[in-house]
Amino acid sequence: MSTVSRPPLLLTRPRAGSERFAAQFRARMGADWPVLIAPLLETEPTGADLPAADALVLTSEQAVGPVAASALAGHPAFCVGERTAEVARKAGFSILGIAPDAVHLLELILAAPDPGQILHARGNEAAMPVAERLTAAGRRAAEVIVYAQVPRPPSAEMRALLATPGPVLVPIFSPNSGKLLAAAAREARAELRLVAISENAAQTCSGLAATKLQIAERPDAEALLDALVAQA
């Protein structure tokens, strides 16, 4: 495939995750495939104090670092996603269970023996109030915001790409990412080929002009990658 006919991949998630995903994409499609990393958000720890807990809920790998630096390091944890579980395991946490999303994680926790006081360590954006749902179901649960997603303005390179007619591949990793992209690409002339990780993520950017808005078969990076490769 010639360079001219290859639609560039636009990655707007935090830089570390974007660089990892870019490497995975290029491993499939070629090391010289055009990729633009232009984060529309970055994550920063909040420095919040963490209350005592017997078990943790980690719905993002971004929560692992702040918790690992606290007195809760090494506690058993329920995780959303294999990637979060891998990062948590490497940080010394024992894994009680893994689910693909918060909905299934809630079911997994409620089906497991009661671990005692549960703490959901999360970001400032959350798709589901996990602690609230656990409490309503009779479990002892609390939450604390250990990191914040901080919006970043579109880069000059991103603005130029969006202003240029032609297809652009764009994965949407979360509803928040979708909202930020929708704002940045409102006047885009590019034909955005969007692949969202979930229905909620897709809804936030459904108003954008796109040759195709697709939802990944599973809510994980591998399924996003498969769908993007199919559209390339």
Protein backbone atom coordinates (compact mmCIF):
# COMPACT_ATOMS: atom_id res chain seq x y z
CA MET A 1 0.00 0.00 0.00
CA SER A 2 1.43 3.39 -0.96
CA THR A 3 1.97 6.10 1.62
CA VAL A 4 -0.58 8.30 -0.16
CA SER A 5 -3.37 5.73 0.21
CA ARG A 6 -2.78 5.03 3.90
CA PRO A 7 -5.15 6.97 6.19
CA PRO A 8 -3.23 8.42 9.15
CA LEU A 9 -4.02 7.21 12.65
CA LEU A 10 -4.92 10.03 15.06
CA LEU A 11 -4.42 9.24 18.76
CA THR A 12 -5.82 11.66 21.33
CA ARG A 13 -5.50 9.72 24.59
CA PRO A 14 -2.70 10.51 27.08
CA ARG A 15 0.73 10.26 25.50
CA ALA A 16 2.00 7.11 27.21
CA GLY A 17 -1.08 5.11 26.21
CA SER A 18 -1.03 6.60 22.71
CA GLU A 19 2.59 5.63 22.18
CA ARG A 20 1.85 2.07 23.29
CA PHE A 21 -1.18 1.82 20.98
CA ALA A 22 0.76 3.33 18.08
CA ALA A 23 3.44 0.66 18.48
CA GLN A 24 0.76 -2.07 18.46
CA PHE A 25 -0.86 -0.62 15.34
CA ARG A 26 2.43 -0.28 13.48
CA ALA A 27 3.36 -3.84 14.43
CA ARG A 28 0.31 -4.91 12.44
CA MET A 29 0.37 -2.34 9.62
CA GLY A 30 4.01 -1.38 9.17
CA ALA A 31 6.57 0.65 11.07
CA ASP A 32 6.20 3.64 8.73
CA TRP A 33 2.40 3.94 8.90
CA PRO A 34 1.53 7.63 9.48
CA VAL A 35 0.51 8.25 13.09
CA LEU A 36 -0.18 11.54 14.83
CA ILE A 37 -0.14 11.54 18.63
CA ALA A 38 -2.01 14.63 19.81
CA PRO A 39 -3.30 14.13 23.36
CA LEU A 40 -6.52 15.96 24.19
CA LEU A 41 -6.08 15.02 27.84
CA GLU A 42 -3.39 13.97 30.28
CA THR A 43 -3.72 12.46 33.72
CA GLU A 44 -2.37 13.88 36.98
CA PRO A 45 -2.49 12.36 40.49
CA THR A 46 -4.71 14.29 42.90
CA GLY A 47 -2.71 13.48 46.03
CA ALA A 48 -5.92 12.45 47.81
CA ASP A 49 -5.70 10.59 51.11
CA LEU A 50 -6.86 6.99 50.81
CA PRO A 51 -9.04 5.55 53.60
CA ALA A 52 -8.51 2.07 54.97
CA ALA A 53 -9.88 -0.78 52.85
CA ASP A 54 -9.77 -4.55 52.60
CA ALA A 55 -10.06 -4.71 48.81
CA LEU A 56 -9.75 -2.33 45.90
CA VAL A 57 -11.57 -1.66 42.68
CA LEU A 58 -9.26 -0.42 39.92
CA THR A 59 -11.14 0.56 36.77
CA SER A 60 -8.11 2.17 35.07
CA GLU A 61 -4.39 1.57 35.02
CA GLN A 62 -3.97 5.28 35.86
CA ALA A 63 -5.21 4.55 39.38
CA VAL A 64 -2.55 1.93 40.08
CA GLY A 65 0.37 4.28 40.68
CA PRO A 66 -1.27 6.52 43.28
CA VAL A 67 -2.61 3.51 45.20
CA ALA A 68 0.71 1.67 44.98
CA ALA A 69 2.34 4.69 46.65
CA SER A 70 -0.06 4.49 49.61
CA ALA A 71 -0.59 2.23 52.60
CA LEU A 72 -2.95 0.17 50.42
CA ALA A 73 -0.10 -1.12 48.27
CA GLY A 74 -0.38 -4.85 47.65
CA HIS A 75 -4.04 -5.11 48.67
CA PRO A 76 -6.28 -7.49 46.71
CA ALA A 77 -7.96 -5.79 43.78
CA PHE A 78 -10.78 -6.24 41.28
CA CYS A 79 -9.77 -4.78 37.90
CA VAL A 80 -11.39 -3.61 34.71
CA GLY A 81 -9.37 -4.88 31.76
CA GLU A 82 -6.38 -7.13 31.33
CA ARG A 83 -4.10 -4.12 30.95
CA THR A 84 -5.12 -2.65 34.32
CA ALA A 85 -4.70 -6.06 35.94
CA GLU A 86 -1.25 -6.48 34.38
CA VAL A 87 -0.09 -3.09 35.65
CA ALA A 88 -1.56 -3.78 39.10
CA ARG A 89 0.04 -7.20 39.28
CA LYS A 90 3.45 -5.79 38.37
CA ALA A 91 2.97 -3.17 41.11
CA GLY A 92 2.50 -5.94 43.68
CA PHE A 93 -1.29 -6.16 43.96
CA SER A 94 -3.04 -9.51 44.14
CA ILE A 95 -5.87 -9.79 41.62
CA LEU A 96 -9.25 -11.02 42.83
CA GLY A 97 -10.96 -10.81 39.46
CA ILE A 98 -10.93 -9.16 36.03
CA ALA A 99 -13.87 -7.99 33.94
CA PRO A 100 -14.01 -6.19 30.58
CA ASP A 101 -15.99 -3.22 31.90
CA ALA A 102 -17.50 -1.74 35.06
CA VAL A 103 -20.89 -3.38 34.51
CA HIS A 104 -19.43 -6.87 34.42
CA LEU A 105 -17.00 -6.06 37.23
CA LEU A 106 -19.91 -5.14 39.47
CA GLU A 107 -21.51 -8.51 38.73
CA LEU A 108 -18.22 -10.28 39.43
CA ILE A 109 -17.77 -8.53 42.80
CA LEU A 110 -21.31 -9.27 43.91
CA ALA A 111 -20.93 -12.93 42.95
CA ALA A 112 -17.66 -13.25 44.93
CA PRO A 113 -17.34 -13.73 48.69
CA ASP A 114 -17.65 -10.41 50.53
CA PRO A 115 -14.07 -9.08 50.88
CA GLY A 116 -14.99 -6.48 53.51
CA GLN A 117 -14.53 -2.76 53.00
CA ILE A 118 -14.08 -2.00 49.30
CA LEU A 119 -12.45 1.15 47.92
CA HIS A 120 -12.90 2.27 44.32
CA ALA A 121 -9.80 4.28 43.38
CA ARG A 122 -10.79 6.18 40.25
CA GLY A 123 -10.38 9.24 38.08
CA ASN A 124 -12.50 12.35 38.08
CA GLU A 125 -14.50 10.95 35.14
CA ALA A 126 -16.37 7.68 35.73
CA ALA A 127 -18.83 5.83 33.50
CA MET A 128 -20.52 4.12 36.43
CA PRO A 129 -20.82 4.92 40.18
CA VAL A 130 -19.34 1.58 41.23
CA ALA A 131 -19.14 2.30 44.97
CA GLU A 132 -22.72 3.58 45.01
CA ARG A 133 -23.99 0.44 43.25
CA LEU A 134 -22.04 -1.81 45.61
CA THR A 135 -23.43 0.00 48.64
CA ALA A 136 -26.97 -0.32 47.27
CA ALA A 137 -26.36 -4.06 46.89
CA GLY A 138 -25.34 -4.41 50.54
CA ARG A 139 -21.56 -4.22 50.33
CA ARG A 140 -19.42 -1.77 52.26
CA ALA A 141 -17.87 0.48 49.64
CA ALA A 142 -16.38 3.93 49.22
CA GLU A 143 -14.57 5.79 46.48
CA VAL A 144 -11.73 8.27 46.18
CA ILE A 145 -10.51 10.24 43.17
CA VAL A 146 -6.81 9.47 42.86
CA TYR A 147 -6.16 11.04 39.46
CA ALA A 148 -7.70 13.70 37.28
CA GLN A 149 -8.06 13.83 33.52
CA VAL A 150 -6.90 17.30 32.48
CA PRO A 151 -8.00 18.53 29.02
CA ARG A 152 -5.37 19.75 26.60
CA PRO A 153 -6.02 21.99 23.55
CA PRO A 154 -5.67 20.46 20.09
CA SER A 155 -2.14 20.76 18.75
CA ALA A 156 -1.36 22.69 15.57
CA GLU A 157 -0.58 19.37 13.86
CA MET A 158 -3.97 17.98 14.84
CA ARG A 159 -5.79 21.09 13.63
CA ALA A 160 -3.98 20.84 10.30
CA LEU A 161 -4.82 17.15 9.91
CA LEU A 162 -8.50 17.72 10.68
CA ALA A 163 -8.65 20.62 8.21
CA THR A 164 -7.33 18.46 5.36
CA PRO A 165 -9.83 16.44 3.27
CA GLY A 166 -9.22 12.70 3.34
CA PRO A 167 -9.76 9.74 5.67
CA VAL A 168 -8.34 9.67 9.20
CA LEU A 169 -8.54 6.69 11.56
CA VAL A 170 -9.52 7.66 15.12
CA PRO A 171 -10.05 5.32 18.09
CA ILE A 172 -12.24 6.63 20.92
CA PHE A 173 -11.11 5.10 24.21
CA SER A 174 -13.68 6.67 26.55
CA PRO A 175 -16.74 8.94 26.65
CA ASN A 176 -14.53 11.79 27.87
CA SER A 177 -12.17 11.30 24.92
CA GLY A 178 -15.16 11.33 22.60
CA LYS A 179 -16.46 14.61 24.02
CA LEU A 180 -13.08 16.28 23.65
CA LEU A 181 -12.69 15.03 20.09
CA ALA A 182 -16.20 16.21 19.20
CA ALA A 183 -15.29 19.70 20.37
CA ALA A 184 -11.93 19.72 18.58
CA ALA A 185 -13.25 18.31 15.29
CA ARG A 186 -16.52 20.25 15.01
CA GLU A 187 -15.37 22.01 11.82
CA ALA A 188 -13.25 19.15 10.49
CA ARG A 189 -12.96 18.63 6.74
CA ALA A 190 -11.30 15.26 7.19
CA GLU A 191 -13.38 12.11 6.83
CA LEU A 192 -13.13 10.65 10.32
CA ARG A 193 -13.32 6.88 10.56
CA LEU A 194 -14.21 6.49 14.21
CA VAL A 195 -14.01 3.32 16.27
CA ALA A 196 -15.41 3.63 19.81
CA ILE A 197 -14.66 1.34 22.70
CA SER A 198 -18.29 1.37 23.90
CA GLU A 199 -21.78 2.60 23.08
CA ASN A 200 -21.37 5.42 25.61
CA ALA A 201 -18.14 6.53 23.95
CA ALA A 202 -19.77 6.38 20.51
CA GLN A 203 -22.68 8.57 21.59
CA THR A 204 -20.41 11.43 22.61
CA CYS A 205 -19.03 11.83 19.09
CA SER A 206 -21.92 10.58 16.96
CA GLY A 207 -22.55 14.11 15.63
CA LEU A 208 -19.18 14.31 13.86
CA ALA A 209 -18.93 13.80 10.13
CA ALA A 210 -17.52 10.33 9.59
CA THR A 211 -17.36 7.79 6.83
CA LYS A 212 -18.05 5.24 9.54
CA LEU A 213 -18.71 5.20 13.27
CA GLN A 214 -18.15 1.71 14.58
CA ILE A 215 -18.24 0.21 18.06
CA ALA A 216 -15.53 -2.31 18.86
CA GLU A 217 -16.67 -5.88 19.40
CA ARG A 218 -15.22 -5.83 22.92
CA PRO A 219 -14.42 -2.91 25.24
CA ASP A 220 -10.64 -3.29 25.00
CA ALA A 221 -7.69 -1.95 23.05
CA GLU A 222 -7.21 -5.16 21.06
CA ALA A 223 -10.75 -4.97 19.67
CA LEU A 224 -10.24 -1.30 18.82
CA LEU A 225 -7.06 -2.26 17.01
CA ASP A 226 -8.81 -5.00 15.03
CA ALA A 227 -11.55 -2.61 13.89
CA LEU A 228 -9.08 0.11 12.89
CA VAL A 229 -6.98 -2.36 10.90
CA ALA A 230 -10.13 -3.45 9.07
CA GLN A 231 -10.90 0.17 8.13
CA ALA A 232 -7.36 1.09 7.07
